[in-house]
Amino acid sequence: MTFLKDENGQGMVEYGLILGLIAVVAIALIVVVGKRVKGSFQSANENMSDVPAAD
């Protein structure tokens, strides 16, 4: 029964869960921010195409 009361691996599991949560949040932020950045670059590209070329 000492195996059930042993808490040596508890900290490692907690660190793993925290790391997993941080990874999920980071991926979500990259997806959201990536879409906004892509939209900004597309808008800038469209605005630049309206500018006449210099001769």
Protein backbone atom coordinates (compact mmCIF):
# COMPACT_ATOMS: atom_id res chain seq x y z
CA MET A 1 0.00 0.00 0.00
CA THR A 2 2.97 2.35 0.17
CA PHE A 3 2.81 2.64 -3.63
CA LEU A 4 -0.59 4.34 -3.39
CA LYS A 5 0.69 6.83 -0.81
CA ASP A 6 3.97 7.58 -2.60
CA GLU A 7 4.04 11.20 -3.86
CA ASN A 8 7.47 11.29 -5.49
CA GLY A 9 6.10 11.62 -9.04
CA GLN A 10 3.39 14.12 -8.16
CA GLY A 11 5.51 17.20 -8.84
CA MET A 12 6.63 15.91 -12.21
CA VAL A 13 3.02 15.27 -13.26
CA GLU A 14 2.01 18.77 -12.16
CA TYR A 15 4.86 20.31 -14.15
CA GLY A 16 3.80 18.27 -17.16
CA LEU A 17 0.20 19.48 -16.90
CA ILE A 18 1.30 23.10 -16.54
CA LEU A 19 3.63 22.75 -19.53
CA GLY A 20 0.81 21.24 -21.58
CA LEU A 21 -1.53 24.09 -20.67
CA ILE A 22 1.09 26.68 -21.59
CA ALA A 23 1.63 24.94 -24.94
CA VAL A 24 -2.09 24.96 -25.74
CA VAL A 25 -2.39 28.67 -24.89
CA ALA A 26 0.72 29.51 -26.93
CA ILE A 27 -0.58 27.63 -29.98
CA ALA A 28 -3.96 29.37 -29.71
CA LEU A 29 -2.26 32.78 -29.51
CA ILE A 30 -0.07 32.00 -32.52
CA VAL A 31 -3.12 31.03 -34.57
CA VAL A 32 -5.09 34.16 -33.62
CA VAL A 33 -2.19 36.59 -33.97
CA GLY A 34 -1.06 34.90 -37.18
CA LYS A 35 -4.41 35.54 -38.84
CA ARG A 36 -4.29 39.22 -37.84
CA VAL A 37 -0.75 39.65 -39.12
CA LYS A 38 -1.65 37.95 -42.39
CA GLY A 39 -4.61 40.31 -42.79
CA SER A 40 -2.40 43.32 -42.11
CA PHE A 41 0.13 42.26 -44.74
CA GLN A 42 -2.61 41.57 -47.27
CA SER A 43 -4.09 45.01 -46.64
CA ALA A 44 -0.70 46.67 -47.03
CA ASN A 45 -0.09 44.72 -50.24
CA GLU A 46 -3.43 45.83 -51.67
CA ASN A 47 -2.70 49.46 -50.78
CA MET A 48 0.75 49.26 -52.38
CA SER A 49 -0.72 47.93 -55.63
CA ASP A 50 -2.79 51.12 -55.94
CA VAL A 51 0.33 53.32 -55.89
CA PRO A 52 1.60 54.19 -59.38
CA ALA A 53 5.09 53.00 -60.25
CA ALA A 54 7.91 55.53 -60.51
CA ASP A 55 9.51 55.91 -63.92
